[in-house]
N, C-alpha and C. Protein backbone atom coordinates (compact mmCIF):
# COMPACT_ATOMS: atom_id res chain seq x y z
N MET A 1 0.86 -1.43 0.05
CA MET A 1 -0.05 -0.07 0.07
C MET A 1 0.77 1.27 -0.48
N THR A 2 0.32 2.30 -0.50
CA THR A 2 1.05 3.63 -0.96
C THR A 2 0.11 4.40 -0.26
N PRO A 3 -0.02 4.69 1.20
CA PRO A 3 -0.84 6.21 1.54
C PRO A 3 -0.68 7.27 1.25
N ARG A 4 -1.81 7.64 0.78
CA ARG A 4 -1.94 9.41 1.19
C ARG A 4 -2.79 9.87 2.00
N ILE A 5 -2.91 11.12 2.26
CA ILE A 5 -3.85 11.65 3.23
C ILE A 5 -5.20 12.04 2.45
N ALA A 6 -6.36 11.31 3.28
CA ALA A 6 -7.25 11.45 2.55
C ALA A 6 -7.90 12.80 1.76
N PRO A 7 -8.92 12.67 0.92
CA PRO A 7 -9.26 13.92 0.54
C PRO A 7 -10.08 14.40 1.62
N GLY A 8 -10.31 15.64 2.05
CA GLY A 8 -10.91 16.66 3.22
C GLY A 8 -10.08 16.42 4.03
N PHE A 9 -9.23 16.11 4.05
CA PHE A 9 -7.61 15.93 5.48
C PHE A 9 -6.78 17.05 4.94
N ARG A 10 -6.27 17.59 5.60
CA ARG A 10 -4.96 18.39 5.63
C ARG A 10 -3.75 18.52 7.15
N LEU A 11 -3.03 18.43 6.69
CA LEU A 11 -2.32 18.05 7.41
C LEU A 11 -0.94 18.78 7.85
N GLN A 12 -1.18 19.69 9.09
CA GLN A 12 -0.40 20.86 9.10
C GLN A 12 0.44 20.89 10.48
N TRP A 13 1.40 21.81 10.65
CA TRP A 13 1.96 21.98 11.99
C TRP A 13 1.65 23.35 12.70
N GLU A 14 0.70 22.79 13.73
CA GLU A 14 0.12 24.05 14.09
C GLU A 14 0.99 24.58 15.62
N GLU A 15 1.76 25.61 15.37
CA GLU A 15 2.78 25.86 16.36
C GLU A 15 2.10 26.34 17.88
N VAL A 16 0.41 26.75 17.93
CA VAL A 16 0.56 26.83 18.84
C VAL A 16 -0.02 25.59 19.78
N GLN A 17 -0.29 24.36 19.08
CA GLN A 17 -0.24 23.48 20.08
C GLN A 17 1.13 22.86 20.08
N GLN A 18 2.14 23.23 19.23
CA GLN A 18 3.72 22.53 19.17
C GLN A 18 3.21 21.08 18.81
N ALA A 19 2.35 20.77 17.62
CA ALA A 19 1.97 19.63 17.55
C ALA A 19 1.81 19.68 15.88
N HIS A 20 1.78 18.53 14.83
CA HIS A 20 1.14 18.34 13.82
C HIS A 20 -0.77 18.02 14.30
N VAL A 21 -1.42 18.62 13.23
CA VAL A 21 -2.81 18.39 13.33
C VAL A 21 -3.27 18.05 12.42
N LEU A 22 -4.41 17.39 12.07
CA LEU A 22 -5.23 16.54 10.85
C LEU A 22 -6.19 17.65 10.54
N LEU A 23 -6.51 18.75 10.01
CA LEU A 23 -7.68 19.20 10.04
C LEU A 23 -8.68 18.52 9.13
N TYR A 24 -10.39 18.72 9.10
CA TYR A 24 -11.63 18.83 8.25
C TYR A 24 -12.25 19.23 8.68
N PRO A 25 -13.38 19.16 7.89
CA PRO A 25 -14.41 20.12 7.42
C PRO A 25 -15.18 20.51 9.21
N GLU A 26 -15.38 19.31 10.15
CA GLU A 26 -15.89 19.24 11.09
C GLU A 26 -15.03 19.14 12.21
N GLY A 27 -13.82 19.43 11.84
CA GLY A 27 -12.62 19.38 13.50
C GLY A 27 -11.23 19.09 12.71
N MET A 28 -10.62 18.68 14.07
CA MET A 28 -9.35 18.82 13.99
C MET A 28 -8.70 17.70 15.22
N VAL A 29 -7.68 16.98 14.53
CA VAL A 29 -7.29 16.36 15.16
C VAL A 29 -5.75 16.43 15.67
N LYS A 30 -5.57 16.27 16.68
CA LYS A 30 -4.06 16.84 17.23
C LYS A 30 -3.38 15.02 17.15
N LEU A 31 -2.40 15.26 16.68
CA LEU A 31 -1.58 14.31 16.84
C LEU A 31 -0.15 14.12 17.56
N ASN A 32 -0.55 13.15 18.05
CA ASN A 32 1.17 12.97 18.96
C ASN A 32 2.46 12.81 17.83
N GLN A 33 4.00 12.96 18.59
CA GLN A 33 4.72 13.04 17.46
C GLN A 33 4.56 12.20 16.36
N SER A 34 4.74 10.78 17.10
CA SER A 34 4.60 9.20 15.97
C SER A 34 4.17 9.62 14.71
N ALA A 35 2.59 9.78 15.33
CA ALA A 35 1.58 9.89 14.61
C ALA A 35 2.04 10.65 13.52
N GLY A 36 2.25 11.98 13.79
CA GLY A 36 2.69 13.29 13.09
C GLY A 36 3.47 12.95 11.64
N GLU A 37 4.47 12.17 12.68
CA GLU A 37 5.85 11.48 12.00
C GLU A 37 5.40 10.83 10.50
N ILE A 38 4.17 10.14 11.04
CA ILE A 38 4.13 8.94 9.44
C ILE A 38 3.27 9.49 8.62
N LEU A 39 2.41 10.22 8.83
CA LEU A 39 1.52 10.90 8.48
C LEU A 39 2.14 12.05 7.24
N LYS A 40 3.19 12.58 7.77
CA LYS A 40 4.21 13.69 6.80
C LYS A 40 4.36 12.47 5.84
N ARG A 41 4.90 11.15 6.14
CA ARG A 41 5.29 10.90 4.70
C ARG A 41 3.87 10.10 4.29
N CYS A 42 2.94 10.21 4.65
CA CYS A 42 1.94 9.44 3.76
C CYS A 42 1.79 10.72 2.72
N ASP A 43 2.16 10.34 1.34
CA ASP A 43 1.92 11.81 0.66
C ASP A 43 2.09 10.89 -0.90
N GLY A 44 1.18 9.40 -0.87
CA GLY A 44 0.89 9.26 -2.34
C GLY A 44 2.25 8.39 -3.03
N THR A 45 3.32 8.91 -2.43
CA THR A 45 4.77 8.57 -3.09
C THR A 45 6.11 7.38 -2.72
N ARG A 46 5.70 7.17 -1.51
CA ARG A 46 6.18 5.98 -0.57
C ARG A 46 4.96 5.32 0.23
N ASP A 47 5.70 3.92 -0.20
CA ASP A 47 4.98 2.72 0.17
C ASP A 47 5.33 2.54 1.75
N VAL A 48 4.62 1.69 2.50
CA VAL A 48 4.75 1.30 3.70
C VAL A 48 6.40 1.08 4.21
N PRO A 49 6.64 -0.54 3.40
CA PRO A 49 8.09 -0.38 4.03
C PRO A 49 8.78 0.84 3.45
N ALA A 50 8.86 2.02 2.89
CA ALA A 50 9.56 3.00 2.37
C ALA A 50 9.75 4.01 3.95
N ILE A 51 8.16 4.20 4.18
CA ILE A 51 8.49 5.08 5.52
C ILE A 51 8.13 4.70 6.50
N VAL A 52 8.77 3.13 6.58
CA VAL A 52 9.14 2.68 7.97
C VAL A 52 10.91 2.81 8.00
N ALA A 53 11.51 2.57 6.24
CA ALA A 53 12.85 2.69 6.64
C ALA A 53 13.27 4.41 6.48
N GLU A 54 12.19 4.63 6.53
CA GLU A 54 12.89 6.40 6.37
C GLU A 54 12.84 6.96 7.95
N LEU A 55 12.01 6.16 8.25
CA LEU A 55 11.29 6.43 10.06
C LEU A 55 12.67 6.02 11.03
N GLU A 56 12.93 4.66 10.45
CA GLU A 56 14.18 3.99 10.79
C GLU A 56 15.48 4.95 11.30
N GLY A 57 15.92 5.55 9.52
CA GLY A 57 16.79 6.10 9.49
C GLY A 57 16.64 7.40 10.57
N ALA A 58 16.10 8.19 10.40
CA ALA A 58 15.53 9.63 10.93
C ALA A 58 15.78 9.10 12.23
N PHE A 59 15.16 8.44 12.92
CA PHE A 59 15.21 8.19 14.53
C PHE A 59 16.64 7.09 14.78
N HIS A 60 17.11 6.66 14.37
CA HIS A 60 18.07 6.02 14.68
C HIS A 60 17.41 4.55 15.25
N ALA A 61 16.51 3.79 15.15
CA ALA A 61 15.99 3.16 15.37
C ALA A 61 15.42 2.06 14.43
N GLN A 62 15.46 0.68 14.97
CA GLN A 62 14.95 -0.45 14.06
C GLN A 62 13.71 -1.38 14.72
N GLY A 63 12.85 -1.95 13.76
CA GLY A 63 11.87 -2.64 14.48
C GLY A 63 10.65 -1.75 14.68
N LEU A 64 10.20 -0.62 13.55
CA LEU A 64 9.06 0.45 13.88
C LEU A 64 8.12 -0.26 13.01
N ALA A 65 8.41 -1.16 12.17
CA ALA A 65 7.30 -1.59 10.76
C ALA A 65 6.22 -2.13 12.05
N PRO A 66 5.88 -2.95 12.97
CA PRO A 66 4.31 -3.05 13.78
C PRO A 66 3.64 -2.28 14.18
N GLU A 67 4.60 -0.86 14.28
CA GLU A 67 3.99 0.02 15.30
C GLU A 67 3.63 1.14 14.10
N VAL A 68 4.15 1.16 13.04
CA VAL A 68 3.72 2.13 12.16
C VAL A 68 2.19 1.32 10.99
N GLN A 69 2.42 -0.23 11.32
CA GLN A 69 1.63 -0.74 10.59
C GLN A 69 -0.07 -0.67 11.22
N ALA A 70 0.63 -0.33 12.52
CA ALA A 70 -0.76 -0.46 13.77
C ALA A 70 -1.46 1.03 13.58
N PHE A 71 -0.63 1.83 13.62
CA PHE A 71 -0.99 3.10 13.26
C PHE A 71 -1.73 3.35 12.06
N LEU A 72 -1.45 2.87 10.96
CA LEU A 72 -1.89 3.03 9.87
C LEU A 72 -3.19 2.52 9.45
N ASP A 73 -3.13 1.28 9.66
CA ASP A 73 -4.42 0.45 10.14
C ASP A 73 -5.60 1.47 10.71
N ILE A 74 -5.29 1.80 12.04
CA ILE A 74 -6.54 3.11 12.47
C ILE A 74 -6.49 4.23 11.48
N ALA A 75 -5.39 4.89 10.78
CA ALA A 75 -5.59 6.11 10.08
C ALA A 75 -6.37 5.20 9.03
N LEU A 76 -6.60 4.01 8.31
CA LEU A 76 -7.69 4.02 7.09
C LEU A 76 -8.56 3.86 7.37
N LYS A 77 -8.95 3.34 8.97
CA LYS A 77 -10.48 2.79 9.66
C LYS A 77 -10.98 4.18 10.21
N GLN A 78 -10.14 5.12 10.48
CA GLN A 78 -10.94 6.78 10.75
C GLN A 78 -10.97 7.31 9.19
N ARG A 79 -10.59 6.87 8.29
CA ARG A 79 -10.24 7.45 6.76
C ARG A 79 -9.43 8.79 6.86
N TRP A 80 -8.42 8.48 7.73
CA TRP A 80 -7.42 9.77 7.14
C TRP A 80 -7.02 9.44 6.23
N VAL A 81 -6.39 8.11 5.78
CA VAL A 81 -5.47 7.92 4.60
C VAL A 81 -5.87 7.39 3.58
N VAL A 82 -5.67 6.99 2.32
CA VAL A 82 -6.07 6.21 1.63
C VAL A 82 -5.14 5.64 0.58
N PRO A 83 -5.54 4.47 0.46
CA PRO A 83 -4.08 3.81 -0.59
C PRO A 83 -4.57 4.41 -2.00
N SER A 84 -3.26 5.12 -2.81
CA SER A 84 -3.16 5.85 -3.65
C SER A 84 -2.62 4.32 -5.03
């Protein structure tokens, strides 16, 4: 799957909140740092393994695939992301 932010949603950094937020017509979701970092990479050009590899490189971590996939499963159910 190559996820991208779903139509009707917009990801942006909210300085006042000091967090990424996901905006949509009915409201806003304040994201934790991990969710923000994952969604920043959901631009329709990277598949899940590429997102995981980029996150592992950026944060000098290993074994992030299960957590990234679990979050993306939730994001799909919430309709925050769609497959490209």
